[in-house]
N, C-alpha and C. Protein backbone atom coordinates (compact mmCIF):
# COMPACT_ATOMS: atom_id res chain seq x y z
N UNK A 1 -101.59 -82.01 -164.33
CA UNK A 1 -100.71 -82.25 -163.21
C UNK A 1 -99.30 -81.78 -163.51
N UNK A 2 -98.65 -81.34 -162.49
CA UNK A 2 -97.27 -80.87 -162.63
C UNK A 2 -96.32 -82.06 -162.50
N UNK A 3 -95.37 -82.15 -163.43
CA UNK A 3 -94.39 -83.24 -163.36
C UNK A 3 -93.17 -82.77 -162.58
N UNK A 4 -92.69 -83.62 -161.73
CA UNK A 4 -91.50 -83.29 -160.94
C UNK A 4 -90.30 -84.02 -161.52
N UNK A 5 -89.18 -83.33 -161.53
CA UNK A 5 -87.97 -83.97 -162.03
C UNK A 5 -87.34 -84.80 -160.92
N UNK A 6 -86.59 -85.78 -161.33
CA UNK A 6 -85.94 -86.66 -160.37
C UNK A 6 -84.83 -85.90 -159.65
N UNK A 7 -84.72 -86.10 -158.37
CA UNK A 7 -83.70 -85.40 -157.59
C UNK A 7 -82.34 -86.03 -157.83
N UNK A 8 -81.36 -85.19 -158.05
CA UNK A 8 -80.00 -85.65 -158.30
C UNK A 8 -79.34 -86.00 -156.97
N UNK A 9 -78.88 -87.22 -156.85
CA UNK A 9 -78.24 -87.66 -155.62
C UNK A 9 -76.75 -87.82 -155.86
N UNK A 10 -75.97 -87.23 -154.98
CA UNK A 10 -74.51 -87.29 -155.07
C UNK A 10 -74.02 -88.38 -154.13
N UNK A 11 -73.12 -89.23 -154.63
CA UNK A 11 -72.56 -90.28 -153.79
C UNK A 11 -71.57 -89.67 -152.82
N UNK A 12 -71.87 -89.77 -151.52
CA UNK A 12 -71.02 -89.15 -150.51
C UNK A 12 -69.64 -89.81 -150.44
N UNK A 13 -69.60 -91.12 -150.65
CA UNK A 13 -68.31 -91.81 -150.59
C UNK A 13 -67.41 -91.36 -151.73
N UNK A 14 -67.99 -91.10 -152.89
CA UNK A 14 -67.20 -90.66 -154.03
C UNK A 14 -66.76 -89.21 -153.84
N UNK A 15 -67.62 -88.38 -153.25
CA UNK A 15 -67.26 -86.98 -153.07
C UNK A 15 -66.14 -86.80 -152.06
N UNK A 16 -65.98 -87.76 -151.15
CA UNK A 16 -64.88 -87.66 -150.19
C UNK A 16 -63.57 -88.17 -150.77
N UNK A 17 -63.62 -88.98 -151.83
CA UNK A 17 -62.40 -89.58 -152.38
C UNK A 17 -61.86 -88.86 -153.61
N UNK A 18 -62.72 -88.18 -154.35
CA UNK A 18 -62.32 -87.55 -155.60
C UNK A 18 -62.68 -86.08 -155.58
N UNK A 19 -61.99 -85.30 -156.42
CA UNK A 19 -62.38 -83.91 -156.62
C UNK A 19 -62.22 -83.58 -158.10
N UNK A 20 -63.03 -82.63 -158.56
CA UNK A 20 -63.02 -82.24 -159.96
C UNK A 20 -62.52 -80.80 -160.04
N UNK A 21 -61.53 -80.56 -160.89
CA UNK A 21 -61.00 -79.22 -161.06
C UNK A 21 -61.94 -78.40 -161.93
N UNK A 22 -61.67 -77.11 -162.08
CA UNK A 22 -62.56 -76.27 -162.88
C UNK A 22 -62.46 -76.60 -164.37
N UNK A 23 -61.38 -77.25 -164.79
CA UNK A 23 -61.27 -77.69 -166.18
C UNK A 23 -61.87 -79.07 -166.40
N UNK A 24 -62.37 -79.70 -165.33
CA UNK A 24 -63.05 -80.98 -165.48
C UNK A 24 -62.16 -82.19 -165.28
N UNK A 25 -60.96 -82.01 -164.75
CA UNK A 25 -60.06 -83.14 -164.50
C UNK A 25 -60.40 -83.73 -163.15
N UNK A 26 -60.57 -85.05 -163.10
CA UNK A 26 -60.87 -85.74 -161.86
C UNK A 26 -59.56 -86.13 -161.19
N UNK A 27 -59.40 -85.76 -159.90
CA UNK A 27 -58.17 -86.04 -159.16
C UNK A 27 -58.46 -87.02 -158.04
N UNK A 28 -57.48 -87.85 -157.74
CA UNK A 28 -57.58 -88.83 -156.66
C UNK A 28 -56.31 -88.79 -155.84
N UNK A 29 -56.41 -89.24 -154.59
CA UNK A 29 -55.23 -89.43 -153.75
C UNK A 29 -54.68 -90.82 -154.02
N UNK A 30 -53.37 -90.98 -153.91
CA UNK A 30 -52.79 -92.30 -154.15
C UNK A 30 -52.90 -93.17 -152.91
N UNK A 31 -53.02 -94.45 -153.13
CA UNK A 31 -53.09 -95.38 -152.02
C UNK A 31 -51.68 -95.72 -151.53
N UNK A 32 -51.59 -96.45 -150.45
CA UNK A 32 -50.32 -96.87 -149.83
C UNK A 32 -49.52 -95.70 -149.27
N UNK A 33 -50.16 -94.59 -148.95
CA UNK A 33 -49.42 -93.43 -148.46
C UNK A 33 -49.84 -93.02 -147.06
N UNK A 34 -50.73 -93.76 -146.43
CA UNK A 34 -51.30 -93.34 -145.16
C UNK A 34 -50.46 -93.76 -143.96
N UNK A 35 -50.13 -95.03 -143.89
CA UNK A 35 -49.43 -95.52 -142.70
C UNK A 35 -48.35 -96.52 -143.11
N UNK A 36 -47.56 -96.95 -142.14
CA UNK A 36 -46.39 -97.82 -142.37
C UNK A 36 -45.40 -97.17 -143.33
N UNK A 37 -45.16 -95.89 -143.12
CA UNK A 37 -44.29 -95.17 -144.04
C UNK A 37 -42.81 -95.45 -143.82
N UNK A 38 -42.45 -95.89 -142.63
CA UNK A 38 -41.02 -96.11 -142.35
C UNK A 38 -40.44 -97.23 -143.18
N UNK A 39 -41.28 -98.22 -143.52
CA UNK A 39 -40.77 -99.35 -144.29
C UNK A 39 -40.66 -99.03 -145.77
N UNK A 40 -41.30 -97.95 -146.23
CA UNK A 40 -41.27 -97.60 -147.64
C UNK A 40 -40.07 -96.68 -147.90
N UNK A 41 -39.55 -96.76 -149.11
CA UNK A 41 -38.39 -95.93 -149.45
C UNK A 41 -38.83 -94.49 -149.64
N UNK A 42 -37.87 -93.57 -149.51
CA UNK A 42 -38.18 -92.15 -149.70
C UNK A 42 -38.61 -91.88 -151.13
N UNK A 43 -38.05 -92.62 -152.07
CA UNK A 43 -38.43 -92.47 -153.48
C UNK A 43 -39.89 -92.86 -153.69
N UNK A 44 -40.31 -93.94 -153.07
CA UNK A 44 -41.70 -94.38 -153.19
C UNK A 44 -42.64 -93.37 -152.55
N UNK A 45 -42.26 -92.83 -151.39
CA UNK A 45 -43.11 -91.85 -150.72
C UNK A 45 -43.24 -90.57 -151.53
N UNK A 46 -42.18 -90.14 -152.18
CA UNK A 46 -42.26 -88.95 -153.05
C UNK A 46 -43.17 -89.21 -154.23
N UNK A 47 -43.11 -90.41 -154.77
CA UNK A 47 -43.94 -90.75 -155.93
C UNK A 47 -45.42 -90.82 -155.56
N UNK A 48 -45.71 -91.26 -154.33
CA UNK A 48 -47.10 -91.40 -153.90
C UNK A 48 -47.70 -90.09 -153.42
N UNK A 49 -46.86 -89.07 -153.20
CA UNK A 49 -47.34 -87.80 -152.66
C UNK A 49 -48.18 -87.06 -153.71
N UNK A 50 -49.15 -86.29 -153.25
CA UNK A 50 -49.92 -85.43 -154.14
C UNK A 50 -51.14 -86.10 -154.73
N UNK A 51 -51.79 -85.40 -155.63
CA UNK A 51 -53.00 -85.90 -156.27
C UNK A 51 -52.69 -86.28 -157.70
N UNK A 52 -53.35 -87.33 -158.17
CA UNK A 52 -53.10 -87.85 -159.50
C UNK A 52 -54.39 -87.86 -160.30
N UNK A 53 -54.32 -87.63 -161.61
CA UNK A 53 -55.55 -87.60 -162.42
C UNK A 53 -56.11 -89.00 -162.64
N UNK A 54 -57.43 -89.06 -162.73
CA UNK A 54 -58.14 -90.29 -163.09
C UNK A 54 -58.38 -90.23 -164.58
N UNK A 55 -58.10 -91.30 -165.30
CA UNK A 55 -58.15 -91.29 -166.75
C UNK A 55 -59.23 -92.23 -167.28
N UNK A 56 -59.65 -91.98 -168.49
CA UNK A 56 -60.52 -92.89 -169.22
C UNK A 56 -61.97 -92.87 -168.81
N UNK A 57 -62.63 -94.00 -169.01
CA UNK A 57 -64.06 -94.12 -168.74
C UNK A 57 -64.37 -93.98 -167.26
N UNK A 58 -63.42 -94.34 -166.42
CA UNK A 58 -63.67 -94.26 -164.98
C UNK A 58 -63.86 -92.82 -164.54
N UNK A 59 -63.16 -91.88 -165.18
CA UNK A 59 -63.33 -90.47 -164.86
C UNK A 59 -64.75 -90.01 -165.18
N UNK A 60 -65.31 -90.51 -166.28
CA UNK A 60 -66.69 -90.16 -166.63
C UNK A 60 -67.67 -90.72 -165.61
N UNK A 61 -67.42 -91.94 -165.14
CA UNK A 61 -68.28 -92.55 -164.13
C UNK A 61 -68.23 -91.76 -162.83
N UNK A 62 -67.04 -91.33 -162.44
CA UNK A 62 -66.89 -90.56 -161.20
C UNK A 62 -67.62 -89.23 -161.32
N UNK A 63 -67.48 -88.56 -162.46
CA UNK A 63 -68.18 -87.29 -162.67
C UNK A 63 -69.69 -87.46 -162.60
N UNK A 64 -70.19 -88.54 -163.16
CA UNK A 64 -71.63 -88.79 -163.13
C UNK A 64 -72.09 -89.04 -161.70
N UNK A 65 -71.29 -89.73 -160.89
CA UNK A 65 -71.67 -89.97 -159.50
C UNK A 65 -71.59 -88.71 -158.65
N UNK A 66 -70.78 -87.73 -159.11
CA UNK A 66 -70.66 -86.47 -158.37
C UNK A 66 -71.67 -85.42 -158.84
N UNK A 67 -72.49 -85.76 -159.83
CA UNK A 67 -73.53 -84.84 -160.27
C UNK A 67 -73.20 -84.05 -161.51
N UNK A 68 -72.07 -84.30 -162.15
CA UNK A 68 -71.72 -83.63 -163.40
C UNK A 68 -72.32 -84.44 -164.54
N UNK A 69 -72.86 -83.74 -165.53
CA UNK A 69 -73.47 -84.45 -166.66
C UNK A 69 -72.66 -84.32 -167.91
């Protein structure tokens, strides 16, 4: 009998929140930047802008959920 390998399933919720660069760095968007921006200071909004790297063991977990081994 032919053995079939298990199908790799990618978590859709994780793929919408994180991205992996070609060097393998996991990036995330910062929270608290979507709405109610008028009450936040300009300094805080500049700090929250852009994508930030995910560090440590959590980056490995995210990569595994996205299909990277």
